[in-house]
Each structure stands twice: as C-alpha cells, then as structure tokens.
mmCIF file of all heavy atoms, coordinates in Angstrom:
data_MODEL
# 
_entry.id   MODEL 
# 
loop_
_atom_site.group_PDB 
_atom_site.id 
_atom_site.type_symbol 
_atom_site.label_atom_id 
_atom_site.label_alt_id 
_atom_site.label_comp_id 
_atom_site.label_asym_id 
_atom_site.label_entity_id 
_atom_site.label_seq_id 
_atom_site.pdbx_PDB_ins_code 
_atom_site.Cartn_x 
_atom_site.Cartn_y 
_atom_site.Cartn_z 
_atom_site.occupancy 
_atom_site.B_iso_or_equiv 
_atom_site.pdbx_formal_charge 
_atom_site.auth_seq_id 
_atom_site.auth_comp_id 
_atom_site.auth_asym_id 
_atom_site.auth_atom_id 
_atom_site.pdbx_PDB_model_num 
ATOM 1   N N   . GLY A 1 1  ? 112.136 163.159 74.526 1.00 0.00 ? 1  GLY A N   1 
ATOM 2   C CA  . GLY A 1 1  ? 111.903 164.376 75.293 1.00 0.00 ? 1  GLY A CA  1 
ATOM 3   C C   . GLY A 1 1  ? 110.617 164.376 76.033 1.00 0.00 ? 1  GLY A C   1 
ATOM 4   O O   . GLY A 1 1  ? 110.356 165.223 76.850 1.00 0.00 ? 1  GLY A O   1 
ATOM 5   N N   . PHE A 1 2  ? 109.687 163.416 75.648 1.00 0.00 ? 2  PHE A N   1 
ATOM 6   C CA  . PHE A 1 2  ? 108.389 163.288 76.329 1.00 0.00 ? 2  PHE A CA  1 
ATOM 7   C C   . PHE A 1 2  ? 108.543 162.398 77.550 1.00 0.00 ? 2  PHE A C   1 
ATOM 8   O O   . PHE A 1 2  ? 109.201 161.370 77.474 1.00 0.00 ? 2  PHE A O   1 
ATOM 9   C CB  . PHE A 1 2  ? 107.357 162.765 75.442 1.00 0.00 ? 2  PHE A CB  1 
ATOM 10  C CG  . PHE A 1 2  ? 107.114 163.637 74.224 1.00 0.00 ? 2  PHE A CG  1 
ATOM 11  C CD1 . PHE A 1 2  ? 107.515 163.159 72.946 1.00 0.00 ? 2  PHE A CD1 1 
ATOM 12  C CD2 . PHE A 1 2  ? 106.570 164.912 74.272 1.00 0.00 ? 2  PHE A CD2 1 
ATOM 13  C CE1 . PHE A 1 2  ? 107.327 163.952 71.840 1.00 0.00 ? 2  PHE A CE1 1 
ATOM 14  C CE2 . PHE A 1 2  ? 106.408 165.640 73.189 1.00 0.00 ? 2  PHE A CE2 1 
ATOM 15  C CZ  . PHE A 1 2  ? 106.818 165.207 71.874 1.00 0.00 ? 2  PHE A CZ  1 
ATOM 16  N N   . VAL A 1 3  ? 107.820 162.768 78.640 1.00 0.00 ? 3  VAL A N   1 
ATOM 17  C CA  . VAL A 1 3  ? 107.862 161.961 79.845 1.00 0.00 ? 3  VAL A CA  1 
ATOM 18  C C   . VAL A 1 3  ? 106.597 161.159 79.974 1.00 0.00 ? 3  VAL A C   1 
ATOM 19  O O   . VAL A 1 3  ? 105.507 161.697 79.786 1.00 0.00 ? 3  VAL A O   1 
ATOM 20  C CB  . VAL A 1 3  ? 108.043 162.883 81.071 1.00 0.00 ? 3  VAL A CB  1 
ATOM 21  C CG1 . VAL A 1 3  ? 107.951 162.071 82.359 1.00 0.00 ? 3  VAL A CG1 1 
ATOM 22  C CG2 . VAL A 1 3  ? 109.365 163.631 81.015 1.00 0.00 ? 3  VAL A CG2 1 
ATOM 23  N N   . ALA A 1 4  ? 106.762 159.845 80.246 1.00 0.00 ? 4  ALA A N   1 
ATOM 24  C CA  . ALA A 1 4  ? 105.651 158.958 80.320 1.00 0.00 ? 4  ALA A CA  1 
ATOM 25  C C   . ALA A 1 4  ? 105.935 157.761 81.178 1.00 0.00 ? 4  ALA A C   1 
ATOM 26  O O   . ALA A 1 4  ? 107.100 157.434 81.466 1.00 0.00 ? 4  ALA A O   1 
ATOM 27  C CB  . ALA A 1 4  ? 105.337 158.464 78.888 1.00 0.00 ? 4  ALA A CB  1 
ATOM 28  N N   . PRO A 1 5  ? 104.921 156.999 81.669 1.00 0.00 ? 5  PRO A N   1 
ATOM 29  C CA  . PRO A 1 5  ? 105.119 155.803 82.388 1.00 0.00 ? 5  PRO A CA  1 
ATOM 30  C C   . PRO A 1 5  ? 105.806 154.796 81.488 1.00 0.00 ? 5  PRO A C   1 
ATOM 31  O O   . PRO A 1 5  ? 105.840 154.940 80.275 1.00 0.00 ? 5  PRO A O   1 
ATOM 32  C CB  . PRO A 1 5  ? 103.721 155.352 82.791 1.00 0.00 ? 5  PRO A CB  1 
ATOM 33  C CG  . PRO A 1 5  ? 102.838 156.577 82.624 1.00 0.00 ? 5  PRO A CG  1 
ATOM 34  C CD  . PRO A 1 5  ? 103.443 157.419 81.572 1.00 0.00 ? 5  PRO A CD  1 
ATOM 35  N N   . SER A 1 6  ? 106.422 153.802 82.080 1.00 0.00 ? 6  SER A N   1 
ATOM 36  C CA  . SER A 1 6  ? 107.044 152.733 81.338 1.00 0.00 ? 6  SER A CA  1 
ATOM 37  C C   . SER A 1 6  ? 106.436 151.372 81.644 1.00 0.00 ? 6  SER A C   1 
ATOM 38  O O   . SER A 1 6  ? 105.860 151.215 82.680 1.00 0.00 ? 6  SER A O   1 
ATOM 39  C CB  . SER A 1 6  ? 108.547 152.670 81.648 1.00 0.00 ? 6  SER A CB  1 
ATOM 40  O OG  . SER A 1 6  ? 108.795 152.384 83.006 1.00 0.00 ? 6  SER A OG  1 
ATOM 41  N N   . HIS A 1 7  ? 106.516 150.539 80.684 1.00 0.00 ? 7  HIS A N   1 
ATOM 42  C CA  . HIS A 1 7  ? 105.914 149.154 80.825 1.00 0.00 ? 7  HIS A CA  1 
ATOM 43  C C   . HIS A 1 7  ? 107.067 148.228 81.154 1.00 0.00 ? 7  HIS A C   1 
ATOM 44  O O   . HIS A 1 7  ? 108.141 148.325 80.591 1.00 0.00 ? 7  HIS A O   1 
ATOM 45  C CB  . HIS A 1 7  ? 105.220 148.777 79.602 1.00 0.00 ? 7  HIS A CB  1 
ATOM 46  C CG  . HIS A 1 7  ? 104.664 147.327 79.657 1.00 0.00 ? 7  HIS A CG  1 
ATOM 47  N ND1 . HIS A 1 7  ? 103.526 147.002 80.376 1.00 0.00 ? 7  HIS A ND1 1 
ATOM 48  C CD2 . HIS A 1 7  ? 105.049 146.224 79.068 1.00 0.00 ? 7  HIS A CD2 1 
ATOM 49  C CE1 . HIS A 1 7  ? 103.290 145.722 80.257 1.00 0.00 ? 7  HIS A CE1 1 
ATOM 50  N NE2 . HIS A 1 7  ? 104.210 145.239 79.439 1.00 0.00 ? 7  HIS A NE2 1 
ATOM 51  N N   . LEU A 1 8  ? 106.814 147.266 82.068 1.00 0.00 ? 8  LEU A N   1 
ATOM 52  C CA  . LEU A 1 8  ? 107.750 146.235 82.468 1.00 0.00 ? 8  LEU A CA  1 
ATOM 53  C C   . LEU A 1 8  ? 107.407 144.946 81.693 1.00 0.00 ? 8  LEU A C   1 
ATOM 54  O O   . LEU A 1 8  ? 106.285 144.334 82.019 1.00 0.00 ? 8  LEU A O   1 
ATOM 55  C CB  . LEU A 1 8  ? 107.819 146.043 83.938 1.00 0.00 ? 8  LEU A CB  1 
ATOM 56  C CG  . LEU A 1 8  ? 107.979 147.315 84.818 1.00 0.00 ? 8  LEU A CG  1 
ATOM 57  C CD1 . LEU A 1 8  ? 108.103 146.973 86.274 1.00 0.00 ? 8  LEU A CD1 1 
ATOM 58  C CD2 . LEU A 1 8  ? 109.221 148.103 84.389 1.00 0.00 ? 8  LEU A CD2 1 
ATOM 59  N N   . LYS A 1 9  ? 108.226 144.448 80.882 1.00 0.00 ? 9  LYS A N   1 
ATOM 60  C CA  . LYS A 1 9  ? 107.984 143.188 80.144 1.00 0.00 ? 9  LYS A CA  1 
ATOM 61  C C   . LYS A 1 9  ? 107.902 142.067 81.134 1.00 0.00 ? 9  LYS A C   1 
ATOM 62  O O   . LYS A 1 9  ? 107.115 141.091 80.917 1.00 0.00 ? 9  LYS A O   1 
ATOM 63  C CB  . LYS A 1 9  ? 109.097 142.887 79.133 1.00 0.00 ? 9  LYS A CB  1 
ATOM 64  C CG  . LYS A 1 9  ? 109.106 143.972 78.037 1.00 0.00 ? 9  LYS A CG  1 
ATOM 65  C CD  . LYS A 1 9  ? 110.289 143.723 77.118 1.00 0.00 ? 9  LYS A CD  1 
ATOM 66  C CE  . LYS A 1 9  ? 110.389 144.754 75.961 1.00 0.00 ? 9  LYS A CE  1 
ATOM 67  N NZ  . LYS A 1 9  ? 111.562 144.528 75.090 1.00 0.00 ? 9  LYS A NZ  1 
ATOM 68  N N   . GLU A 1 10 ? 108.752 142.086 82.207 1.00 0.00 ? 10 GLU A N   1 
ATOM 69  C CA  . GLU A 1 10 ? 108.651 141.084 83.253 1.00 0.00 ? 10 GLU A CA  1 
ATOM 70  C C   . GLU A 1 10 ? 108.102 141.734 84.506 1.00 0.00 ? 10 GLU A C   1 
ATOM 71  O O   . GLU A 1 10 ? 108.655 142.797 84.972 1.00 0.00 ? 10 GLU A O   1 
ATOM 72  C CB  . GLU A 1 10 ? 110.049 140.478 83.497 1.00 0.00 ? 10 GLU A CB  1 
ATOM 73  C CG  . GLU A 1 10 ? 110.067 139.394 84.610 1.00 0.00 ? 10 GLU A CG  1 
ATOM 74  C CD  . GLU A 1 10 ? 111.423 138.991 84.899 1.00 0.00 ? 10 GLU A CD  1 
ATOM 75  O OE1 . GLU A 1 10 ? 112.254 138.846 83.983 1.00 0.00 ? 10 GLU A OE1 1 
ATOM 76  O OE2 . GLU A 1 10 ? 111.762 138.652 86.105 1.00 0.00 ? 10 GLU A OE2 1 
ATOM 77  N N   . GLN A 1 11 ? 107.093 141.188 85.095 1.00 0.00 ? 11 GLN A N   1 
ATOM 78  C CA  . GLN A 1 11 ? 106.461 141.747 86.227 1.00 0.00 ? 11 GLN A CA  1 
ATOM 79  C C   . GLN A 1 11 ? 107.434 142.087 87.374 1.00 0.00 ? 11 GLN A C   1 
ATOM 80  O O   . GLN A 1 11 ? 108.333 141.226 87.683 1.00 0.00 ? 11 GLN A O   1 
ATOM 81  C CB  . GLN A 1 11 ? 105.329 140.837 86.782 1.00 0.00 ? 11 GLN A CB  1 
ATOM 82  C CG  . GLN A 1 11 ? 104.424 141.467 87.848 1.00 0.00 ? 11 GLN A CG  1 
ATOM 83  C CD  . GLN A 1 11 ? 103.383 140.432 88.302 1.00 0.00 ? 11 GLN A CD  1 
ATOM 84  O OE1 . GLN A 1 11 ? 103.593 139.244 88.346 1.00 0.00 ? 11 GLN A OE1 1 
ATOM 85  N NE2 . GLN A 1 11 ? 102.238 141.011 88.752 1.00 0.00 ? 11 GLN A NE2 1 
ATOM 86  N N   . PHE A 1 12 ? 107.432 143.240 87.916 1.00 0.00 ? 12 PHE A N   1 
ATOM 87  C CA  . PHE A 1 12 ? 108.195 143.710 88.967 1.00 0.00 ? 12 PHE A CA  1 
ATOM 88  C C   . PHE A 1 12 ? 109.716 143.968 88.658 1.00 0.00 ? 12 PHE A C   1 
ATOM 89  O O   . PHE A 1 12 ? 110.449 144.366 89.485 1.00 0.00 ? 12 PHE A O   1 
ATOM 90  C CB  . PHE A 1 12 ? 108.152 142.744 90.200 1.00 0.00 ? 12 PHE A CB  1 
ATOM 91  C CG  . PHE A 1 12 ? 106.795 142.366 90.627 1.00 0.00 ? 12 PHE A CG  1 
ATOM 92  C CD1 . PHE A 1 12 ? 106.468 141.045 90.843 1.00 0.00 ? 12 PHE A CD1 1 
ATOM 93  C CD2 . PHE A 1 12 ? 105.818 143.308 90.901 1.00 0.00 ? 12 PHE A CD2 1 
ATOM 94  C CE1 . PHE A 1 12 ? 105.232 140.639 91.234 1.00 0.00 ? 12 PHE A CE1 1 
ATOM 95  C CE2 . PHE A 1 12 ? 104.532 142.978 91.274 1.00 0.00 ? 12 PHE A CE2 1 
ATOM 96  C CZ  . PHE A 1 12 ? 104.224 141.584 91.427 1.00 0.00 ? 12 PHE A CZ  1 
ATOM 97  N N   . ASN A 1 13 ? 110.028 143.789 87.442 1.00 0.00 ? 13 ASN A N   1 
ATOM 98  C CA  . ASN A 1 13 ? 111.525 143.873 87.064 1.00 0.00 ? 13 ASN A CA  1 
ATOM 99  C C   . ASN A 1 13 ? 111.767 145.199 86.225 1.00 0.00 ? 13 ASN A C   1 
ATOM 100 O O   . ASN A 1 13 ? 111.477 145.171 85.018 1.00 0.00 ? 13 ASN A O   1 
ATOM 101 C CB  . ASN A 1 13 ? 111.918 142.653 86.302 1.00 0.00 ? 13 ASN A CB  1 
ATOM 102 C CG  . ASN A 1 13 ? 113.405 142.600 86.000 1.00 0.00 ? 13 ASN A CG  1 
ATOM 103 O OD1 . ASN A 1 13 ? 114.124 143.521 86.323 1.00 0.00 ? 13 ASN A OD1 1 
ATOM 104 N ND2 . ASN A 1 13 ? 113.903 141.522 85.399 1.00 0.00 ? 13 ASN A ND2 1 
ATOM 105 N N   . VAL A 1 14 ? 112.293 146.175 86.846 1.00 0.00 ? 14 VAL A N   1 
ATOM 106 C CA  . VAL A 1 14 ? 112.558 147.438 86.083 1.00 0.00 ? 14 VAL A CA  1 
ATOM 107 C C   . VAL A 1 14 ? 113.657 147.301 85.035 1.00 0.00 ? 14 VAL A C   1 
ATOM 108 O O   . VAL A 1 14 ? 113.766 148.165 84.133 1.00 0.00 ? 14 VAL A O   1 
ATOM 109 C CB  . VAL A 1 14 ? 112.900 148.583 87.051 1.00 0.00 ? 14 VAL A CB  1 
ATOM 110 C CG1 . VAL A 1 14 ? 111.726 148.940 88.037 1.00 0.00 ? 14 VAL A CG1 1 
ATOM 111 C CG2 . VAL A 1 14 ? 114.146 148.291 87.870 1.00 0.00 ? 14 VAL A CG2 1 
ATOM 112 N N   . ALA A 1 15 ? 114.441 146.251 85.109 1.00 0.00 ? 15 ALA A N   1 
ATOM 113 C CA  . ALA A 1 15 ? 115.481 145.982 84.128 1.00 0.00 ? 15 ALA A CA  1 
ATOM 114 C C   . ALA A 1 15 ? 114.823 145.702 82.754 1.00 0.00 ? 15 ALA A C   1 
ATOM 115 O O   . ALA A 1 15 ? 115.507 145.757 81.781 1.00 0.00 ? 15 ALA A O   1 
ATOM 116 C CB  . ALA A 1 15 ? 116.366 144.896 84.605 1.00 0.00 ? 15 ALA A CB  1 
ATOM 117 N N   . THR A 1 16 ? 113.564 145.314 82.785 1.00 0.00 ? 16 THR A N   1 
ATOM 118 C CA  . THR A 1 16 ? 112.873 145.015 81.522 1.00 0.00 ? 16 THR A CA  1 
ATOM 119 C C   . THR A 1 16 ? 111.997 146.158 81.086 1.00 0.00 ? 16 THR A C   1 
ATOM 120 O O   . THR A 1 16 ? 111.049 145.931 80.296 1.00 0.00 ? 16 THR A O   1 
ATOM 121 C CB  . THR A 1 16 ? 112.015 143.735 81.684 1.00 0.00 ? 16 THR A CB  1 
ATOM 122 O OG1 . THR A 1 16 ? 110.905 143.992 82.637 1.00 0.00 ? 16 THR A OG1 1 
ATOM 123 C CG2 . THR A 1 16 ? 112.853 142.621 82.202 1.00 0.00 ? 16 THR A CG2 1 
ATOM 124 N N   . SER A 1 17 ? 112.241 147.406 81.554 1.00 0.00 ? 17 SER A N   1 
ATOM 125 C CA  . SER A 1 17 ? 111.461 148.519 81.288 1.00 0.00 ? 17 SER A CA  1 
ATOM 126 C C   . SER A 1 17 ? 111.463 148.976 79.764 1.00 0.00 ? 17 SER A C   1 
ATOM 127 O O   . SER A 1 17 ? 112.570 148.932 79.205 1.00 0.00 ? 17 SER A O   1 
ATOM 128 C CB  . SER A 1 17 ? 111.861 149.642 82.175 1.00 0.00 ? 17 SER A CB  1 
ATOM 129 O OG  . SER A 1 17 ? 111.240 150.837 81.844 1.00 0.00 ? 17 SER A OG  1 
ATOM 130 N N   . GLU A 1 18 ? 110.421 149.375 79.240 1.00 0.00 ? 18 GLU A N   1 
ATOM 131 C CA  . GLU A 1 18 ? 110.363 150.124 77.941 1.00 0.00 ? 18 GLU A CA  1 
ATOM 132 C C   . GLU A 1 18 ? 109.398 151.257 78.081 1.00 0.00 ? 18 GLU A C   1 
ATOM 133 O O   . GLU A 1 18 ? 108.299 151.140 78.606 1.00 0.00 ? 18 GLU A O   1 
ATOM 134 C CB  . GLU A 1 18 ? 109.881 149.131 76.828 1.00 0.00 ? 18 GLU A CB  1 
ATOM 135 C CG  . GLU A 1 18 ? 108.547 148.525 76.952 1.00 0.00 ? 18 GLU A CG  1 
ATOM 136 C CD  . GLU A 1 18 ? 108.189 147.642 75.775 1.00 0.00 ? 18 GLU A CD  1 
ATOM 137 O OE1 . GLU A 1 18 ? 109.049 147.443 74.875 1.00 0.00 ? 18 GLU A OE1 1 
ATOM 138 O OE2 . GLU A 1 18 ? 107.066 147.165 75.710 1.00 0.00 ? 18 GLU A OE2 1 
ATOM 139 N N   . VAL A 1 19 ? 109.759 152.347 77.568 1.00 0.00 ? 19 VAL A N   1 
ATOM 140 C CA  . VAL A 1 19 ? 108.958 153.614 77.652 1.00 0.00 ? 19 VAL A CA  1 
ATOM 141 C C   . VAL A 1 19 ? 107.699 153.399 76.842 1.00 0.00 ? 19 VAL A C   1 
ATOM 142 O O   . VAL A 1 19 ? 107.737 153.030 75.698 1.00 0.00 ? 19 VAL A O   1 
ATOM 143 C CB  . VAL A 1 19 ? 109.695 154.813 77.235 1.00 0.00 ? 19 VAL A CB  1 
ATOM 144 C CG1 . VAL A 1 19 ? 108.841 156.070 77.391 1.00 0.00 ? 19 VAL A CG1 1 
ATOM 145 C CG2 . VAL A 1 19 ? 111.016 155.013 78.060 1.00 0.00 ? 19 VAL A CG2 1 
ATOM 146 N N   . GLY A 1 20 ? 106.531 153.762 77.478 1.00 0.00 ? 20 GLY A N   1 
ATOM 147 C CA  . GLY A 1 20 ? 105.290 153.636 76.791 1.00 0.00 ? 20 GLY A CA  1 
ATOM 148 C C   . GLY A 1 20 ? 104.800 154.991 76.289 1.00 0.00 ? 20 GLY A C   1 
ATOM 149 O O   . GLY A 1 20 ? 105.521 155.901 76.227 1.00 0.00 ? 20 GLY A O   1 
ATOM 150 N N   . ILE A 1 21 ? 103.549 154.925 75.913 1.00 0.00 ? 21 ILE A N   1 
ATOM 151 C CA  . ILE A 1 21 ? 102.835 156.171 75.576 1.00 0.00 ? 21 ILE A CA  1 
ATOM 152 C C   . ILE A 1 21 ? 101.625 156.303 76.477 1.00 0.00 ? 21 ILE A C   1 
ATOM 153 O O   . ILE A 1 21 ? 101.108 155.279 77.027 1.00 0.00 ? 21 ILE A O   1 
ATOM 154 C CB  . ILE A 1 21 ? 102.439 156.166 74.087 1.00 0.00 ? 21 ILE A CB  1 
ATOM 155 C CG1 . ILE A 1 21 ? 101.554 155.030 73.741 1.00 0.00 ? 21 ILE A CG1 1 
ATOM 156 C CG2 . ILE A 1 21 ? 103.718 156.221 73.222 1.00 0.00 ? 21 ILE A CG2 1 
ATOM 157 C CD1 . ILE A 1 21 ? 101.041 155.127 72.343 1.00 0.00 ? 21 ILE A CD1 1 
ATOM 158 N N   . SER A 1 22 ? 101.150 157.525 76.649 1.00 0.00 ? 22 SER A N   1 
ATOM 159 C CA  . SER A 1 22 ? 99.958  157.738 77.422 1.00 0.00 ? 22 SER A CA  1 
ATOM 160 C C   . SER A 1 22 ? 99.024  158.645 76.712 1.00 0.00 ? 22 SER A C   1 
ATOM 161 O O   . SER A 1 22 ? 99.432  159.171 75.647 1.00 0.00 ? 22 SER A O   1 
ATOM 162 C CB  . SER A 1 22 ? 100.339 158.250 78.839 1.00 0.00 ? 22 SER A CB  1 
ATOM 163 O OG  . SER A 1 22 ? 100.699 159.637 78.715 1.00 0.00 ? 22 SER A OG  1 
ATOM 164 N N   . ASP A 1 23 ? 97.901  158.912 77.275 1.00 0.00 ? 23 ASP A N   1 
ATOM 165 C CA  . ASP A 1 23 ? 97.009  159.892 76.689 1.00 0.00 ? 23 ASP A CA  1 
ATOM 166 C C   . ASP A 1 23 ? 97.527  161.339 76.937 1.00 0.00 ? 23 ASP A C   1 
ATOM 167 O O   . ASP A 1 23 ? 97.065  162.268 76.304 1.00 0.00 ? 23 ASP A O   1 
ATOM 168 C CB  . ASP A 1 23 ? 95.604  159.803 77.235 1.00 0.00 ? 23 ASP A CB  1 
ATOM 169 C CG  . ASP A 1 23 ? 94.736  158.815 76.482 1.00 0.00 ? 23 ASP A CG  1 
ATOM 170 O OD1 . ASP A 1 23 ? 95.191  158.379 75.388 1.00 0.00 ? 23 ASP A OD1 1 
ATOM 171 O OD2 . ASP A 1 23 ? 93.645  158.523 76.974 1.00 0.00 ? 23 ASP A OD2 1 
ATOM 172 N N   . ASN A 1 24 ? 98.466  161.450 77.865 1.00 0.00 ? 24 ASN A N   1 
ATOM 173 C CA  . ASN A 1 24 ? 98.792  162.791 78.349 1.00 0.00 ? 24 ASN A CA  1 
ATOM 174 C C   . ASN A 1 24 ? 100.320 163.069 78.350 1.00 0.00 ? 24 ASN A C   1 
ATOM 175 O O   . ASN A 1 24 ? 100.818 163.488 79.428 1.00 0.00 ? 24 ASN A O   1 
ATOM 176 C CB  . ASN A 1 24 ? 98.189  162.902 79.784 1.00 0.00 ? 24 ASN A CB  1 
ATOM 177 C CG  . ASN A 1 24 ? 96.673  162.818 79.800 1.00 0.00 ? 24 ASN A CG  1 
ATOM 178 O OD1 . ASN A 1 24 ? 95.960  163.470 79.075 1.00 0.00 ? 24 ASN A OD1 1 
ATOM 179 N ND2 . ASN A 1 24 ? 96.229  161.999 80.706 1.00 0.00 ? 24 ASN A ND2 1 
ATOM 180 N N   . ASP A 1 25 ? 100.971 162.883 77.263 1.00 0.00 ? 25 ASP A N   1 
ATOM 181 C CA  . ASP A 1 25 ? 102.398 163.237 77.128 1.00 0.00 ? 25 ASP A CA  1 
ATOM 182 C C   . ASP A 1 25 ? 102.600 164.694 77.506 1.00 0.00 ? 25 ASP A C   1 
ATOM 183 O O   . ASP A 1 25 ? 103.594 165.123 78.143 1.00 0.00 ? 25 ASP A O   1 
ATOM 184 C CB  . ASP A 1 25 ? 102.951 162.885 75.767 1.00 0.00 ? 25 ASP A CB  1 
ATOM 185 C CG  . ASP A 1 25 ? 103.379 161.458 75.637 1.00 0.00 ? 25 ASP A CG  1 
ATOM 186 O OD1 . ASP A 1 25 ? 103.176 160.689 76.557 1.00 0.00 ? 25 ASP A OD1 1 
ATOM 187 O OD2 . ASP A 1 25 ? 103.911 161.144 74.592 1.00 0.00 ? 25 ASP A OD2 1 
ATOM 188 N N   . GLY A 1 26 ? 101.684 165.532 77.046 1.00 0.00 ? 26 GLY A N   1 
ATOM 189 C CA  . GLY A 1 26 ? 101.818 166.942 77.270 1.00 0.00 ? 26 GLY A CA  1 
ATOM 190 C C   . GLY A 1 26 ? 101.724 167.282 78.752 1.00 0.00 ? 26 GLY A C   1 
ATOM 191 O O   . GLY A 1 26 ? 102.462 168.072 79.242 1.00 0.00 ? 26 GLY A O   1 
# 
C-alpha cells in the first residue's frame, strides 16, 4: 500500500524491477 521508487536489478530493464524503500513513504 506504500508508494516508493523501485530498483532495477539490471540497468535500464524495468522487467527486473523490485520495489524499494525510501525515507519518505508517507
């Protein structure tokens, strides 16, 4: 339910996306 940037395990490839955490989920 929290919205955050995602990290790409492979550069430029959104198919390798995993949701990360940030300082500012709120």
